[in-house]
């Protein structure tokens, strides 16, 4: 298909600058990208019939690592 409709993982390294030029970097475009990423994450790890606690635990672990990184200088003193 057209370069603008491909996902990042389907773009070859030589095509990357042209693919980035087709991306929408406006605030509305970035918000749409974040929303699409969240929906994909939610559908893959949380909204599954046989999922279990894996999706929620990954989200909490990511939050803990991010929080630790933000507070590292304060904690290390």
PDB file of N, CA and C in Angstrom:
ATOM      1  N   UNK A   1       0.803  -1.189   0.000  1.00  0.00           N
ATOM      2  CA  UNK A   1       0.000   0.000   0.000  1.00  0.00           C
ATOM      3  C   UNK A   1       0.848   1.255   0.000  1.00  0.00           C
ATOM      4  N   UNK A   2       0.206   2.388   0.042  1.00  0.00           N
ATOM      5  CA  UNK A   2       0.939   3.654   0.077  1.00  0.00           C
ATOM      6  C   UNK A   2       1.792   3.775   1.341  1.00  0.00           C
ATOM      7  N   UNK A   3       2.843   4.525   1.224  1.00  0.00           N
ATOM      8  CA  UNK A   3       3.791   4.678   2.330  1.00  0.00           C
ATOM      9  C   UNK A   3       3.131   5.289   3.556  1.00  0.00           C
ATOM     10  N   UNK A   4       2.194   6.212   3.356  1.00  0.00           N
ATOM     11  CA  UNK A   4       1.573   6.893   4.495  1.00  0.00           C
ATOM     12  C   UNK A   4       0.658   5.982   5.300  1.00  0.00           C
ATOM     13  N   UNK A   5       0.209   4.873   4.732  1.00  0.00           N
ATOM     14  CA  UNK A   5      -0.697   3.971   5.440  1.00  0.00           C
ATOM     15  C   UNK A   5       0.019   2.825   6.133  1.00  0.00           C
ATOM     16  N   UNK A   6       1.326   2.719   5.948  1.00  0.00           N
ATOM     17  CA  UNK A   6       2.085   1.639   6.581  1.00  0.00           C
ATOM     18  C   UNK A   6       2.356   1.947   8.041  1.00  0.00           C
ATOM     19  N   UNK A   7       2.503   0.880   8.821  1.00  0.00           N
ATOM     20  CA  UNK A   7       2.912   1.037  10.212  1.00  0.00           C
ATOM     21  C   UNK A   7       4.420   1.221  10.281  1.00  0.00           C
ATOM     22  N   UNK A   8       4.919   1.712  11.387  1.00  0.00           N
ATOM     23  CA  UNK A   8       6.342   1.962  11.541  1.00  0.00           C
ATOM     24  C   UNK A   8       7.163   0.690  11.352  1.00  0.00           C
ATOM     25  N   UNK A   9       6.682  -0.426  11.861  1.00  0.00           N
ATOM     26  CA  UNK A   9       7.430  -1.669  11.757  1.00  0.00           C
ATOM     27  C   UNK A   9       7.478  -2.214  10.333  1.00  0.00           C
ATOM     28  N   UNK A  10       6.619  -1.719   9.447  1.00  0.00           N
ATOM     29  CA  UNK A  10       6.593  -2.178   8.064  1.00  0.00           C
ATOM     30  C   UNK A  10       7.401  -1.289   7.129  1.00  0.00           C
ATOM     31  N   UNK A  11       7.950  -0.200   7.648  1.00  0.00           N
ATOM     32  CA  UNK A  11       8.711   0.746   6.829  1.00  0.00           C
ATOM     33  C   UNK A  11      10.176   0.346   6.847  1.00  0.00           C
ATOM     34  N   UNK A  12      10.797   0.334   5.671  1.00  0.00           N
ATOM     35  CA  UNK A  12      12.224   0.029   5.593  1.00  0.00           C
ATOM     36  C   UNK A  12      13.024   1.256   6.016  1.00  0.00           C
ATOM     37  N   UNK A  13      14.273   1.018   6.383  1.00  0.00           N
ATOM     38  CA  UNK A  13      15.114   2.094   6.900  1.00  0.00           C
ATOM     39  C   UNK A  13      15.314   3.206   5.877  1.00  0.00           C
ATOM     40  N   UNK A  14      15.455   2.881   4.621  1.00  0.00           N
ATOM     41  CA  UNK A  14      15.627   3.888   3.588  1.00  0.00           C
ATOM     42  C   UNK A  14      14.367   4.713   3.344  1.00  0.00           C
ATOM     43  N   UNK A  15      13.219   4.151   3.664  1.00  0.00           N
ATOM     44  CA  UNK A  15      11.947   4.843   3.469  1.00  0.00           C
ATOM     45  C   UNK A  15      11.530   5.668   4.684  1.00  0.00           C
ATOM     46  N   UNK A  16      12.289   5.588   5.764  1.00  0.00           N
ATOM     47  CA  UNK A  16      11.912   6.244   7.015  1.00  0.00           C
ATOM     48  C   UNK A  16      11.765   7.765   6.894  1.00  0.00           C
ATOM     49  N   UNK A  17      12.701   8.494   6.251  1.00  0.00           N
ATOM     50  CA  UNK A  17      12.499   9.948   6.142  1.00  0.00           C
ATOM     51  C   UNK A  17      11.227  10.318   5.369  1.00  0.00           C
ATOM     52  N   UNK A  18      10.937   9.598   4.300  1.00  0.00           N
ATOM     53  CA  UNK A  18       9.724   9.884   3.531  1.00  0.00           C
ATOM     54  C   UNK A  18       8.481   9.540   4.347  1.00  0.00           C
ATOM     55  N   UNK A  19       8.545   8.470   5.140  1.00  0.00           N
ATOM     56  CA  UNK A  19       7.396   8.077   5.965  1.00  0.00           C
ATOM     57  C   UNK A  19       7.158   9.125   7.057  1.00  0.00           C
ATOM     58  N   UNK A  20       8.243   9.619   7.664  1.00  0.00           N
ATOM     59  CA  UNK A  20       8.107  10.646   8.700  1.00  0.00           C
ATOM     60  C   UNK A  20       7.539  11.939   8.123  1.00  0.00           C
ATOM     61  N   UNK A  21       7.856  12.229   6.861  1.00  0.00           N
ATOM     62  CA  UNK A  21       7.330  13.442   6.232  1.00  0.00           C
ATOM     63  C   UNK A  21       5.818  13.352   6.019  1.00  0.00           C
ATOM     64  N   UNK A  22       5.269  12.131   5.949  1.00  0.00           N
ATOM     65  CA  UNK A  22       3.828  11.984   5.762  1.00  0.00           C
ATOM     66  C   UNK A  22       3.064  11.991   7.077  1.00  0.00           C
ATOM     67  N   UNK A  23       3.777  11.944   8.201  1.00  0.00           N
ATOM     68  CA  UNK A  23       3.108  11.895   9.512  1.00  0.00           C
ATOM     69  C   UNK A  23       2.541  13.258   9.884  1.00  0.00           C
ATOM     70  N   UNK A  24       1.493  13.233  10.678  1.00  0.00           N
ATOM     71  CA  UNK A  24       0.830  14.447  11.139  1.00  0.00           C
ATOM     72  C   UNK A  24       1.354  14.770  12.536  1.00  0.00           C
ATOM     73  N   UNK A  25       2.166  15.832  12.658  1.00  0.00           N
ATOM     74  CA  UNK A  25       2.763  16.201  13.935  1.00  0.00           C
ATOM     75  C   UNK A  25       2.038  17.363  14.604  1.00  0.00           C
ATOM     76  N   UNK A  26       0.820  17.640  14.187  1.00  0.00           N
ATOM     77  CA  UNK A  26       0.031  18.669  14.861  1.00  0.00           C
ATOM     78  C   UNK A  26      -0.440  18.116  16.207  1.00  0.00           C
ATOM     79  N   UNK A  27      -0.862  18.964  17.134  1.00  0.00           N
ATOM     80  CA  UNK A  27      -1.347  18.457  18.423  1.00  0.00           C
ATOM     81  C   UNK A  27      -2.497  17.454  18.262  1.00  0.00           C
ATOM     82  N   UNK A  28      -3.381  17.706  17.315  1.00  0.00           N
ATOM     83  CA  UNK A  28      -4.497  16.779  17.095  1.00  0.00           C
ATOM     84  C   UNK A  28      -3.993  15.441  16.544  1.00  0.00           C
ATOM     85  N   UNK A  29      -2.995  15.490  15.652  1.00  0.00           N
ATOM     86  CA  UNK A  29      -2.430  14.263  15.107  1.00  0.00           C
ATOM     87  C   UNK A  29      -1.689  13.458  16.160  1.00  0.00           C
ATOM     88  N   UNK A  30      -0.927  14.141  17.024  1.00  0.00           N
ATOM     89  CA  UNK A  30      -0.201  13.457  18.096  1.00  0.00           C
ATOM     90  C   UNK A  30      -1.173  12.838  19.099  1.00  0.00           C
ATOM     91  N   UNK A  31      -2.236  13.574  19.420  1.00  0.00           N
ATOM     92  CA  UNK A  31      -3.241  13.035  20.334  1.00  0.00           C
ATOM     93  C   UNK A  31      -3.923  11.808  19.739  1.00  0.00           C
ATOM     94  N   UNK A  32      -4.191  11.842  18.443  1.00  0.00           N
ATOM     95  CA  UNK A  32      -4.771  10.681  17.774  1.00  0.00           C
ATOM     96  C   UNK A  32      -3.839   9.489  17.801  1.00  0.00           C
ATOM     97  N   UNK A  33      -2.533   9.733  17.653  1.00  0.00           N
ATOM     98  CA  UNK A  33      -1.558   8.648  17.721  1.00  0.00           C
ATOM     99  C   UNK A  33      -1.485   8.030  19.104  1.00  0.00           C
ATOM    100  N   UNK A  34      -1.531   8.865  20.138  1.00  0.00           N
ATOM    101  CA  UNK A  34      -1.515   8.359  21.515  1.00  0.00           C
ATOM    102  C   UNK A  34      -2.782   7.552  21.788  1.00  0.00           C
ATOM    103  N   UNK A  35      -3.912   8.046  21.304  1.00  0.00           N
ATOM    104  CA  UNK A  35      -5.171   7.336  21.497  1.00  0.00           C
ATOM    105  C   UNK A  35      -5.155   5.990  20.777  1.00  0.00           C
ATOM    106  N   UNK A  36      -4.614   5.949  19.579  1.00  0.00           N
ATOM    107  CA  UNK A  36      -4.532   4.689  18.834  1.00  0.00           C
ATOM    108  C   UNK A  36      -3.607   3.697  19.543  1.00  0.00           C
ATOM    109  N   UNK A  37      -2.468   4.200  20.055  1.00  0.00           N
ATOM    110  CA  UNK A  37      -1.548   3.327  20.784  1.00  0.00           C
ATOM    111  C   UNK A  37      -2.202   2.774  22.043  1.00  0.00           C
ATOM    112  N   UNK A  38      -2.935   3.610  22.780  1.00  0.00           N
ATOM    113  CA  UNK A  38      -3.619   3.141  23.983  1.00  0.00           C
ATOM    114  C   UNK A  38      -4.679   2.100  23.628  1.00  0.00           C
ATOM    115  N   UNK A  39      -5.436   2.328  22.565  1.00  0.00           N
ATOM    116  CA  UNK A  39      -6.456   1.360  22.162  1.00  0.00           C
ATOM    117  C   UNK A  39      -5.835   0.030  21.770  1.00  0.00           C
ATOM    118  N   UNK A  40      -4.694   0.065  21.059  1.00  0.00           N
ATOM    119  CA  UNK A  40      -4.015  -1.174  20.697  1.00  0.00           C
ATOM    120  C   UNK A  40      -3.511  -1.907  21.940  1.00  0.00           C
ATOM    121  N   UNK A  41      -2.928  -1.177  22.884  1.00  0.00           N
ATOM    122  CA  UNK A  41      -2.455  -1.780  24.129  1.00  0.00           C
ATOM    123  C   UNK A  41      -3.623  -2.389  24.906  1.00  0.00           C
ATOM    124  N   UNK A  42      -4.709  -1.633  24.998  1.00  0.00           N
ATOM    125  CA  UNK A  42      -5.871  -2.093  25.754  1.00  0.00           C
ATOM    126  C   UNK A  42      -6.457  -3.355  25.138  1.00  0.00           C
ATOM    127  N   UNK A  43      -6.578  -3.362  23.809  1.00  0.00           N
ATOM    128  CA  UNK A  43      -7.136  -4.540  23.137  1.00  0.00           C
ATOM    129  C   UNK A  43      -6.221  -5.750  23.246  1.00  0.00           C
ATOM    130  N   UNK A  44      -4.912  -5.533  23.239  1.00  0.00           N
ATOM    131  CA  UNK A  44      -3.982  -6.656  23.265  1.00  0.00           C
ATOM    132  C   UNK A  44      -3.801  -7.254  24.657  1.00  0.00           C
ATOM    133  N   UNK A  45      -3.735  -6.420  25.695  1.00  0.00           N
ATOM    134  CA  UNK A  45      -3.379  -6.911  27.021  1.00  0.00           C
ATOM    135  C   UNK A  45      -4.499  -6.875  28.052  1.00  0.00           C
ATOM    136  N   UNK A  46      -5.474  -6.010  27.923  1.00  0.00           N
ATOM    137  CA  UNK A  46      -6.476  -5.859  28.970  1.00  0.00           C
ATOM    138  C   UNK A  46      -7.831  -6.400  28.533  1.00  0.00           C
ATOM    139  N   UNK A  47      -8.269  -6.084  27.340  1.00  0.00           N
ATOM    140  CA  UNK A  47      -9.598  -6.461  26.864  1.00  0.00           C
ATOM    141  C   UNK A  47      -9.550  -7.788  26.108  1.00  0.00           C
ATOM    142  N   UNK A  48      -9.099  -8.837  26.769  1.00  0.00           N
ATOM    143  CA  UNK A  48      -9.038 -10.171  26.161  1.00  0.00           C
ATOM    144  C   UNK A  48      -9.845 -11.136  27.017  1.00  0.00           C
ATOM    145  N   UNK A  49     -10.326 -12.194  26.412  1.00  0.00           N
ATOM    146  CA  UNK A  49     -11.179 -13.127  27.154  1.00  0.00           C
ATOM    147  C   UNK A  49     -10.388 -13.970  28.141  1.00  0.00           C
ATOM    148  N   UNK A  50      -9.140 -14.337  27.788  1.00  0.00           N
ATOM    149  CA  UNK A  50      -8.334 -15.161  28.681  1.00  0.00           C
ATOM    150  C   UNK A  50      -7.092 -14.400  29.129  1.00  0.00           C
ATOM    151  N   UNK A  51      -7.230 -13.134  29.438  1.00  0.00           N
ATOM    152  CA  UNK A  51      -6.073 -12.284  29.669  1.00  0.00           C
ATOM    153  C   UNK A  51      -5.399 -12.450  31.008  1.00  0.00           C
ATOM    154  N   UNK A  52      -6.132 -12.393  32.065  1.00  0.00           N
ATOM    155  CA  UNK A  52      -5.513 -12.410  33.377  1.00  0.00           C
ATOM    156  C   UNK A  52      -4.982 -11.043  33.753  1.00  0.00           C
ATOM    157  N   UNK A  53      -4.157 -11.001  34.785  1.00  0.00           N
ATOM    158  CA  UNK A  53      -3.673  -9.712  35.310  1.00  0.00           C
ATOM    159  C   UNK A  53      -2.421  -9.175  34.613  1.00  0.00           C
ATOM    160  N   UNK A  54      -2.003  -9.739  33.500  1.00  0.00           N
ATOM    161  CA  UNK A  54      -0.737  -9.335  32.875  1.00  0.00           C
ATOM    162  C   UNK A  54      -0.755  -7.876  32.422  1.00  0.00           C
ATOM    163  N   UNK A  55      -1.832  -7.429  31.792  1.00  0.00           N
ATOM    164  CA  UNK A  55      -1.871  -6.065  31.276  1.00  0.00           C
ATOM    165  C   UNK A  55      -1.827  -5.022  32.366  1.00  0.00           C
ATOM    166  N   UNK A  56      -2.619  -5.228  33.409  1.00  0.00           N
ATOM    167  CA  UNK A  56      -2.639  -4.273  34.520  1.00  0.00           C
ATOM    168  C   UNK A  56      -1.297  -4.273  35.238  1.00  0.00           C
ATOM    169  N   UNK A  57      -0.694  -5.443  35.434  1.00  0.00           N
ATOM    170  CA  UNK A  57       0.584  -5.502  36.145  1.00  0.00           C
ATOM    171  C   UNK A  57       1.690  -4.831  35.333  1.00  0.00           C
ATOM    172  N   UNK A  58       1.666  -4.949  33.996  1.00  0.00           N
ATOM    173  CA  UNK A  58       2.650  -4.253  33.178  1.00  0.00           C
ATOM    174  C   UNK A  58       2.472  -2.749  33.297  1.00  0.00           C
ATOM    175  N   UNK A  59       1.246  -2.288  33.324  1.00  0.00           N
ATOM    176  CA  UNK A  59       0.978  -0.862  33.452  1.00  0.00           C
ATOM    177  C   UNK A  59       1.467  -0.349  34.807  1.00  0.00           C
ATOM    178  N   UNK A  60       1.201  -1.080  35.878  1.00  0.00           N
ATOM    179  CA  UNK A  60       1.655  -0.676  37.211  1.00  0.00           C
ATOM    180  C   UNK A  60       3.172  -0.713  37.335  1.00  0.00           C
ATOM    181  N   UNK A  61       3.808  -1.733  36.741  1.00  0.00           N
ATOM    182  CA  UNK A  61       5.269  -1.811  36.774  1.00  0.00           C
ATOM    183  C   UNK A  61       5.885  -0.641  36.025  1.00  0.00           C
ATOM    184  N   UNK A  62       5.306  -0.273  34.896  1.00  0.00           N
ATOM    185  CA  UNK A  62       5.793   0.885  34.153  1.00  0.00           C
ATOM    186  C   UNK A  62       5.647   2.163  34.952  1.00  0.00           C
ATOM    187  N   UNK A  63       4.531   2.308  35.644  1.00  0.00           N
ATOM    188  CA  UNK A  63       4.320   3.489  36.485  1.00  0.00           C
ATOM    189  C   UNK A  63       5.350   3.532  37.612  1.00  0.00           C
ATOM    190  N   UNK A  64       5.633   2.390  38.236  1.00  0.00           N
ATOM    191  CA  UNK A  64       6.617   2.355  39.320  1.00  0.00           C
ATOM    192  C   UNK A  64       8.005   2.740  38.816  1.00  0.00           C
ATOM    193  N   UNK A  65       8.409   2.219  37.661  1.00  0.00           N
ATOM    194  CA  UNK A  65       9.713   2.564  37.108  1.00  0.00           C
ATOM    195  C   UNK A  65       9.793   4.041  36.738  1.00  0.00           C
ATOM    196  N   UNK A  66       8.740   4.563  36.149  1.00  0.00           N
ATOM    197  CA  UNK A  66       8.707   5.967  35.784  1.00  0.00           C
ATOM    198  C   UNK A  66       8.759   6.859  37.031  1.00  0.00           C
ATOM    199  N   UNK A  67       8.014   6.498  38.058  1.00  0.00           N
ATOM    200  CA  UNK A  67       8.005   7.264  39.299  1.00  0.00           C
ATOM    201  C   UNK A  67       9.371   7.223  39.969  1.00  0.00           C
ATOM    202  N   UNK A  68      10.017   6.064  39.962  1.00  0.00           N
ATOM    203  CA  UNK A  68      11.352   5.944  40.544  1.00  0.00           C
ATOM    204  C   UNK A  68      12.338   6.816  39.778  1.00  0.00           C
ATOM    205  N   UNK A  69      12.235   6.811  38.453  1.00  0.00           N
ATOM    206  CA  UNK A  69      13.129   7.640  37.644  1.00  0.00           C
ATOM    207  C   UNK A  69      12.954   9.117  37.928  1.00  0.00           C
ATOM    208  N   UNK A  70      11.718   9.550  38.096  1.00  0.00           N
ATOM    209  CA  UNK A  70      11.452  10.957  38.379  1.00  0.00           C
ATOM    210  C   UNK A  70      12.015  11.374  39.739  1.00  0.00           C
ATOM    211  N   UNK A  71      11.974  10.475  40.722  1.00  0.00           N
ATOM    212  CA  UNK A  71      12.366  10.795  42.083  1.00  0.00           C
ATOM    213  C   UNK A  71      13.750  10.271  42.443  1.00  0.00           C
ATOM    214  N   UNK A  72      14.564   9.843  41.470  1.00  0.00           N
ATOM    215  CA  UNK A  72      15.829   9.194  41.763  1.00  0.00           C
ATOM    216  C   UNK A  72      16.783  10.105  42.540  1.00  0.00           C
ATOM    217  N   UNK A  73      16.931  11.349  42.112  1.00  0.00           N
ATOM    218  CA  UNK A  73      17.868  12.235  42.808  1.00  0.00           C
ATOM    219  C   UNK A  73      17.417  12.496  44.234  1.00  0.00           C
ATOM    220  N   UNK A  74      16.134  12.598  44.449  1.00  0.00           N
ATOM    221  CA  UNK A  74      15.613  12.821  45.802  1.00  0.00           C
ATOM    222  C   UNK A  74      15.827  11.583  46.676  1.00  0.00           C
ATOM    223  N   UNK A  75      15.634  10.404  46.097  1.00  0.00           N
ATOM    224  CA  UNK A  75      15.756   9.154  46.868  1.00  0.00           C
ATOM    225  C   UNK A  75      17.222   8.855  47.181  1.00  0.00           C
ATOM    226  N   UNK A  76      18.129   9.153  46.262  1.00  0.00           N
ATOM    227  CA  UNK A  76      19.537   8.775  46.437  1.00  0.00           C
ATOM    228  C   UNK A  76      20.265   9.595  47.500  1.00  0.00           C
ATOM    229  N   UNK A  77      19.691  10.705  47.923  1.00  0.00           N
ATOM    230  CA  UNK A  77      20.366  11.543  48.934  1.00  0.00           C
ATOM    231  C   UNK A  77      20.097  11.042  50.323  1.00  0.00           C
TER     232      UNK A  77
END
